[in-house]
C-alpha atoms as a PDB file:
ATOM      1  CA  MET A   1      28.912  76.129 -14.118  1.00  0.00           C
ATOM      2  CA  GLY A   2      28.133  73.895 -11.126  1.00  0.00           C
ATOM      3  CA  TRP A   3      29.953  73.391  -7.869  1.00  0.00           C
ATOM      4  CA  LEU A   4      33.474  71.983  -7.821  1.00  0.00           C
ATOM      5  CA  CYS A   5      34.117  70.229  -4.538  1.00  0.00           C
ATOM      6  CA  HIS A   6      37.031  68.792  -2.576  1.00  0.00           C
ATOM      7  CA  ASN A   7      36.512  66.342   0.256  1.00  0.00           C
ATOM      8  CA  ASP A   8      38.876  68.165   2.575  1.00  0.00           C
ATOM      9  CA  LYS A   9      38.815  71.664   4.013  1.00  0.00           C
ATOM     10  CA  LEU A  10      41.494  74.072   2.822  1.00  0.00           C
ATOM     11  CA  ARG A  11      44.087  74.214   5.561  1.00  0.00           C
ATOM     12  CA  HIS A  12      47.259  75.675   4.048  1.00  0.00           C
ATOM     13  CA  GLU A  13      45.649  78.572   2.192  1.00  0.00           C
ATOM     14  CA  THR A  14      42.462  80.603   2.410  1.00  0.00           C
ATOM     15  CA  PRO A  15      39.654  80.384  -0.177  1.00  0.00           C
ATOM     16  CA  VAL A  16      40.751  83.807  -1.469  1.00  0.00           C
ATOM     17  CA  GLN A  17      44.311  82.574  -1.915  1.00  0.00           C
ATOM     18  CA  TYR A  18      43.025  79.464  -3.679  1.00  0.00           C
ATOM     19  CA  VAL A  19      40.944  81.481  -6.149  1.00  0.00           C
ATOM     20  CA  THR A  20      43.820  83.906  -6.736  1.00  0.00           C
ATOM     21  CA  ARG A  21      46.162  81.035  -7.561  1.00  0.00           C
ATOM     22  CA  GLU A  22      43.701  78.897  -9.512  1.00  0.00           C
ATOM     23  CA  PHE A  23      42.439  81.710 -11.741  1.00  0.00           C
ATOM     24  CA  SER A  24      45.806  83.267 -12.524  1.00  0.00           C
ATOM     25  CA  ARG A  25      47.037  81.196 -15.451  1.00  0.00           C
ATOM     26  CA  ASP A  26      48.582  81.417 -18.914  1.00  0.00           C
ATOM     27  CA  GLY A  27      46.846  79.727 -21.844  1.00  0.00           C
ATOM     28  CA  ARG A  28      47.412  79.409 -25.571  1.00  0.00           C
ATOM     29  CA  ARG A  29      44.577  81.789 -26.468  1.00  0.00           C
ATOM     30  CA  HIS A  30      44.475  84.050 -23.427  1.00  0.00           C
ATOM     31  CA  SER A  31      45.848  84.528 -19.950  1.00  0.00           C
ATOM     32  CA  THR A  32      44.151  85.565 -16.737  1.00  0.00           C
ATOM     33  CA  LYS A  33      45.475  87.207 -13.599  1.00  0.00           C
ATOM     34  CA  VAL A  34      43.606  87.914 -10.383  1.00  0.00           C
ATOM     35  CA  LEU A  35      44.477  91.508  -9.474  1.00  0.00           C
ATOM     36  CA  ASP A  36      42.646  91.509  -6.155  1.00  0.00           C
ATOM     37  CA  ALA A  37      40.018  89.422  -4.383  1.00  0.00           C
ATOM     38  CA  ALA A  38      37.934  89.643  -1.225  1.00  0.00           C
ATOM     39  CA  ALA A  39      35.592  87.320   0.656  1.00  0.00           C
ATOM     40  CA  VAL A  40      32.263  88.736   1.830  1.00  0.00           C
ATOM     41  CA  ARG A  41      29.868  86.406   3.683  1.00  0.00           C
ATOM     42  CA  GLY A  42      30.551  83.217   1.743  1.00  0.00           C
ATOM     43  CA  VAL A  43      31.219  84.916  -1.603  1.00  0.00           C
ATOM     44  CA  ILE A  44      34.559  85.815  -3.166  1.00  0.00           C
ATOM     45  CA  TYR A  45      34.649  88.796  -5.517  1.00  0.00           C
ATOM     46  CA  ALA A  46      37.739  88.930  -7.742  1.00  0.00           C
ATOM     47  CA  ALA A  47      38.986  91.502 -10.257  1.00  0.00           C
ATOM     48  CA  ILE A  48      40.431  89.353 -13.041  1.00  0.00           C
ATOM     49  CA  ARG A  49      42.474  90.660 -15.963  1.00  0.00           C
ATOM     50  CA  ASN A  50      41.909  88.706 -19.183  1.00  0.00           C
ATOM     51  CA  THR A  51      44.552  89.231 -21.894  1.00  0.00           C
ATOM     52  CA  ASP A  52      44.185  87.982 -25.464  1.00  0.00           C
ATOM     53  CA  ALA A  53      47.381  86.187 -26.568  1.00  0.00           C
ATOM     54  CA  GLU A  54      47.175  87.343 -30.205  1.00  0.00           C
ATOM     55  CA  SER A  55      46.119  90.973 -29.890  1.00  0.00           C
ATOM     56  CA  SER A  56      47.487  91.588 -26.364  1.00  0.00           C
ATOM     57  CA  ARG A  57      44.252  93.427 -25.616  1.00  0.00           C
ATOM     58  CA  SER A  58      43.003  93.032 -22.096  1.00  0.00           C
ATOM     59  CA  HIS A  59      40.064  93.880 -19.901  1.00  0.00           C
ATOM     60  CA  VAL A  60      39.287  93.415 -16.215  1.00  0.00           C
ATOM     61  CA  PHE A  61      36.037  91.753 -15.189  1.00  0.00           C
ATOM     62  CA  CYS A  62      34.588  90.627 -11.871  1.00  0.00           C
ATOM     63  CA  GLY A  63      34.574  86.956 -11.003  1.00  0.00           C
ATOM     64  CA  VAL A  64      31.999  85.895  -8.404  1.00  0.00           C
ATOM     65  CA  PHE A  65      32.627  82.680  -6.469  1.00  0.00           C
ATOM     66  CA  LEU A  66      30.233  81.103  -4.014  1.00  0.00           C
ATOM     67  CA  PHE A  67      32.236  78.956  -1.624  1.00  0.00           C
ATOM     68  CA  ARG A  68      32.170  76.804   1.471  1.00  0.00           C
ATOM     69  CA  ASN A  69      35.131  75.609   3.510  1.00  0.00           C
ATOM     70  CA  ASN A  70      34.526  73.518   6.600  1.00  0.00           C
ATOM     71  CA  ALA A  71      35.573  70.217   8.126  1.00  0.00           C
ATOM     72  CA  ARG A  72      32.216  68.524   7.494  1.00  0.00           C
ATOM     73  CA  ASP A  73      31.677  69.428   3.824  1.00  0.00           C
ATOM     74  CA  GLY A  74      35.249  70.168   2.715  1.00  0.00           C
ATOM     75  CA  PHE A  75      36.010  72.954   0.280  1.00  0.00           C
ATOM     76  CA  GLY A  76      33.817  73.759  -2.697  1.00  0.00           C
ATOM     77  CA  TYR A  77      33.113  76.682  -4.967  1.00  0.00           C
ATOM     78  CA  LYS A  78      30.860  77.772  -7.810  1.00  0.00           C
ATOM     79  CA  ALA A  79      32.445  80.173 -10.307  1.00  0.00           C
ATOM     80  CA  MET A  80      30.482  82.871 -12.143  1.00  0.00           C
ATOM     81  CA  ASP A  81      31.268  86.254 -13.614  1.00  0.00           C
ATOM     82  CA  GLU A  82      29.444  89.554 -13.708  1.00  0.00           C
ATOM     83  CA  ALA A  83      28.225  88.995 -17.277  1.00  0.00           C
ATOM     84  CA  MET A  84      26.049  86.160 -15.943  1.00  0.00           C
ATOM     85  CA  GLY A  85      24.221  88.605 -13.654  1.00  0.00           C
ATOM     86  CA  PRO A  86      24.720  86.788 -10.335  1.00  0.00           C
ATOM     87  CA  CYS A  87      22.421  87.534  -7.403  1.00  0.00           C
ATOM     88  CA  GLU A  88      25.364  88.337  -5.115  1.00  0.00           C
ATOM     89  CA  VAL A  89      25.954  92.110  -5.079  1.00  0.00           C
ATOM     90  CA  ASP A  90      28.110  92.927  -2.036  1.00  0.00           C
ATOM     91  CA  CYS A  91      31.271  93.504  -4.056  1.00  0.00           C
ATOM     92  CA  PRO A  92      33.735  95.784  -2.226  1.00  0.00           C
ATOM     93  CA  ASP A  93      34.530  99.179  -3.703  1.00  0.00           C
ATOM     94  CA  ARG A  94      38.215  98.352  -4.099  1.00  0.00           C
ATOM     95  CA  ILE A  95      37.300  95.498  -6.460  1.00  0.00           C
ATOM     96  CA  MET A  96      34.784  97.578  -8.418  1.00  0.00           C
ATOM     97  CA  ARG A  97      37.368 100.324  -8.998  1.00  0.00           C
ATOM     98  CA  LEU A  98      39.646  97.863 -10.821  1.00  0.00           C
ATOM     99  CA  LEU A  99      37.036  96.760 -13.374  1.00  0.00           C
ATOM    100  CA  SER A 100      37.064  97.897 -16.994  1.00  0.00           C
ATOM    101  CA  PRO A 101      34.169 100.048 -18.275  1.00  0.00           C
ATOM    102  CA  VAL A 102      31.208  97.992 -19.498  1.00  0.00           C
ATOM    103  CA  GLU A 103      31.860  99.067 -23.095  1.00  0.00           C
ATOM    104  CA  ASP A 104      35.337  97.497 -22.911  1.00  0.00           C
ATOM    105  CA  ILE A 105      33.994  94.062 -21.912  1.00  0.00           C
ATOM    106  CA  PRO A 106      33.909  91.904 -25.096  1.00  0.00           C
ATOM    107  CA  SER A 107      30.757  89.976 -24.133  1.00  0.00           C
ATOM    108  CA  PRO A 108      29.109  92.111 -21.454  1.00  0.00           C
ATOM    109  CA  GLY A 109      25.909  90.108 -21.058  1.00  0.00           C
ATOM    110  CA  TYR A 110      24.280  91.282 -17.819  1.00  0.00           C
ATOM    111  CA  THR A 111      27.344  93.233 -16.672  1.00  0.00           C
ATOM    112  CA  ALA A 112      25.642  96.656 -16.700  1.00  0.00           C
ATOM    113  CA  ASP A 113      22.633  95.329 -14.815  1.00  0.00           C
ATOM    114  CA  TRP A 114      24.829  93.608 -12.206  1.00  0.00           C
ATOM    115  CA  ARG A 115      26.934  96.700 -11.612  1.00  0.00           C
ATOM    116  CA  ALA A 116      23.773  98.775 -11.222  1.00  0.00           C
ATOM    117  CA  ARG A 117      22.516  96.327  -8.597  1.00  0.00           C
ATOM    118  CA  VAL A 118      25.873  96.485  -6.793  1.00  0.00           C
ATOM    119  CA  ALA A 119      25.563 100.288  -6.675  1.00  0.00           C
ATOM    120  CA  ALA A 120      21.940 100.054  -5.471  1.00  0.00           C
ATOM    121  CA  ALA A 121      22.907  97.592  -2.731  1.00  0.00           C
ATOM    122  CA  LYS A 122      25.699  99.918  -1.614  1.00  0.00           C
ATOM    123  CA  ALA A 123      23.248 102.836  -1.443  1.00  0.00           C
ATOM    124  CA  SER A 124      20.810 100.724   0.581  1.00  0.00           C
ATOM    125  CA  ARG A 125      23.526  99.760   3.055  1.00  0.00           C
ATOM    126  CA  ALA A 126      24.559 103.394   3.415  1.00  0.00           C
ATOM    127  CA  SER A 127      20.937 104.392   4.016  1.00  0.00           C
ATOM    128  CA  ALA A 128      20.523 101.704   6.663  1.00  0.00           C
ATOM    129  CA  LYS A 129      23.769 102.619   8.419  1.00  0.00           C
ATOM    130  CA  ALA A 130      22.674 106.255   8.546  1.00  0.00           C
ATOM    131  CA  TRP A 131      19.903 105.413  10.979  1.00  0.00           C
ATOM    132  CA  LEU A 132      21.193 102.127  12.403  1.00  0.00           C
ATOM    133  CA  GLY A 133      23.357 103.961  14.910  1.00  0.00           C
ATOM    134  CA  LYS A 134      20.331 105.916  16.133  1.00  0.00           C
ATOM    135  CA  LEU A 135      18.487 102.839  17.402  1.00  0.00           C
ATOM    136  CA  SER A 136      18.057 102.428  21.145  1.00  0.00           C
ATOM    137  CA  PRO A 137      17.168  99.452  23.349  1.00  0.00           C
ATOM    138  CA  GLY A 138      13.420  98.988  23.322  1.00  0.00           C
ATOM    139  CA  ASP A 139      12.927 100.110  19.707  1.00  0.00           C
ATOM    140  CA  THR A 140      11.091  97.692  17.402  1.00  0.00           C
ATOM    141  CA  VAL A 141      12.240  97.199  13.818  1.00  0.00           C
ATOM    142  CA  CYS A 142       9.674  95.975  11.295  1.00  0.00           C
ATOM    143  CA  LEU A 143      10.962  94.368   8.095  1.00  0.00           C
ATOM    144  CA  PRO A 144       8.892  94.513   4.883  1.00  0.00           C
ATOM    145  CA  ALA A 145       9.625  90.797   4.353  1.00  0.00           C
ATOM    146  CA  ALA A 146      10.241  88.166   7.017  1.00  0.00           C
ATOM    147  CA  ALA A 147      13.807  87.037   7.684  1.00  0.00           C
ATOM    148  CA  HIS A 148      14.199  83.261   7.870  1.00  0.00           C
ATOM    149  CA  PHE A 149      16.463  81.570  10.409  1.00  0.00           C
ATOM    150  CA  ALA A 150      16.914  78.054   9.090  1.00  0.00           C
ATOM    151  CA  LYS A 151      18.776  76.576  12.073  1.00  0.00           C
ATOM    152  CA  ALA A 152      16.283  78.025  14.543  1.00  0.00           C
ATOM    153  CA  GLY A 153      13.357  76.909  12.390  1.00  0.00           C
ATOM    154  CA  PHE A 154      11.308  80.100  12.217  1.00  0.00           C
ATOM    155  CA  SER A 155      10.805  83.360  10.320  1.00  0.00           C
ATOM    156  CA  ALA A 156      10.217  86.800  11.784  1.00  0.00           C
ATOM    157  CA  ASP A 157       9.562  90.342  10.608  1.00  0.00           C
ATOM    158  CA  ARG A 158       9.442  92.224  13.946  1.00  0.00           C
ATOM    159  CA  PHE A 159      12.579  92.583  16.042  1.00  0.00           C
ATOM    160  CA  ILE A 160      13.226  94.378  19.324  1.00  0.00           C
ATOM    161  CA  VAL A 161      16.553  96.048  20.081  1.00  0.00           C
ATOM    162  CA  ILE A 162      17.811  94.671  23.410  1.00  0.00           C
ATOM    163  CA  SER A 163      21.316  96.156  23.494  1.00  0.00           C
ATOM    164  CA  ILE A 164      23.998  97.974  21.518  1.00  0.00           C
ATOM    165  CA  ARG A 165      27.426  96.342  21.211  1.00  0.00           C
ATOM    166  CA  LYS A 166      30.209  98.354  19.637  1.00  0.00           C
ATOM    167  CA  ARG A 167      27.579 100.507  17.894  1.00  0.00           C
ATOM    168  CA  THR A 168      25.870  97.368  16.519  1.00  0.00           C
ATOM    169  CA  PRO A 169      22.267  96.696  17.645  1.00  0.00           C
ATOM    170  CA  ILE A 170      21.470  93.244  19.039  1.00  0.00           C
ATOM    171  CA  PHE A 171      17.918  92.092  18.325  1.00  0.00           C
ATOM    172  CA  VAL A 172      15.462  89.459  19.455  1.00  0.00           C
ATOM    173  CA  PRO A 173      12.420  88.526  17.336  1.00  0.00           C
ATOM    174  CA  ALA A 174       9.275  89.839  19.034  1.00  0.00           C
ATOM    175  CA  ALA A 175       7.721  86.360  18.946  1.00  0.00           C
ATOM    176  CA  HIS A 176      10.928  84.574  20.003  1.00  0.00           C
ATOM    177  CA  PRO A 177      12.567  86.682  22.736  1.00  0.00           C
ATOM    178  CA  TRP A 178      15.077  83.921  23.586  1.00  0.00           C
ATOM    179  CA  PHE A 179      16.807  84.178  20.178  1.00  0.00           C
ATOM    180  CA  ARG A 180      19.466  86.892  19.864  1.00  0.00           C
ATOM    181  CA  CYS A 181      20.623  88.007  16.425  1.00  0.00           C
ATOM    182  CA  ARG A 182      21.984  90.788  14.245  1.00  0.00           C
ATOM    183  CA  LEU A 183      20.287  92.031  11.091  1.00  0.00           C
ATOM    184  CA  HIS A 184      22.150  92.809   7.891  1.00  0.00           C
ATOM    185  CA  PRO A 185      22.033  96.473   6.765  1.00  0.00           C
ATOM    186  CA  THR A 186      20.587  95.400   3.399  1.00  0.00           C
ATOM    187  CA  ALA A 187      17.587  93.844   5.133  1.00  0.00           C
ATOM    188  CA  LEU A 188      17.174  96.943   7.290  1.00  0.00           C
ATOM    189  CA  ALA A 189      17.348  99.432   4.406  1.00  0.00           C
ATOM    190  CA  THR A 190      13.577  99.384   3.787  1.00  0.00           C
ATOM    191  CA  ALA A 191      12.470  98.662   7.354  1.00  0.00           C
ATOM    192  CA  SER A 192      10.438 100.886   9.667  1.00  0.00           C
ATOM    193  CA  VAL A 193      11.106 101.645  13.304  1.00  0.00           C
ATOM    194  CA  GLU A 194       8.688 101.870  16.196  1.00  0.00           C
ATOM    195  CA  ARG A 195      10.476 103.866  18.873  1.00  0.00           C
ATOM    196  CA  SER A 196      10.288 102.711  22.456  1.00  0.00           C
ATOM    197  CA  THR A 197       8.036 105.752  23.063  1.00  0.00           C
ATOM    198  CA  THR A 198       5.544 104.018  20.678  1.00  0.00           C
ATOM    199  CA  THR A 199       6.129 106.713  18.024  1.00  0.00           C
ATOM    200  CA  ALA A 200       6.539 105.097  14.594  1.00  0.00           C
ATOM    201  CA  VAL A 201       9.302 106.466  12.385  1.00  0.00           C
ATOM    202  CA  ALA A 202       9.494 105.469   8.710  1.00  0.00           C
ATOM    203  CA  VAL A 203      12.909 104.702   7.250  1.00  0.00           C
ATOM    204  CA  ASP A 204      13.678 105.501   3.614  1.00  0.00           C
END
């Protein structure tokens, strides 16, 4: 399914509220109800109950919606579900806990693979957070793959910690010390750290 777009930005409801309303409906063959939904960095994850009208059997699957909502481009979204195996895997735990077991999904497709990737991403974030708070100004973080900053027009794989704000490190790329940024825990999960004492510490 492609993008569905509106010229105007949503102003009287949030994208989560829109998805909750739009995908809770009664049909002749089945009905759907959004039990809970959450937006995470431009993606909405929704636990959706699908009930068959004839048998009354139901199951809960995860809907994944890419979205944008701004004055320039208006509101738009692309709807997928977990059986399609989307790349987006930052689904909150509270949504995952509502989903039916894979064996109860009528057409599971890539559901098992997607849920495994969600769990792996969660583990990677936890691993990164375990050492993220131990970084100090002056430390250098080396990513296994360069991070691209489209608006700034460059990529970088070495970042220096310049300060800590509310336990969150603020970085500058080693080659672009004027550009301040944060790095997502997923990107940091497989990084290495060169301490300010020049001692290199590997990060699992």
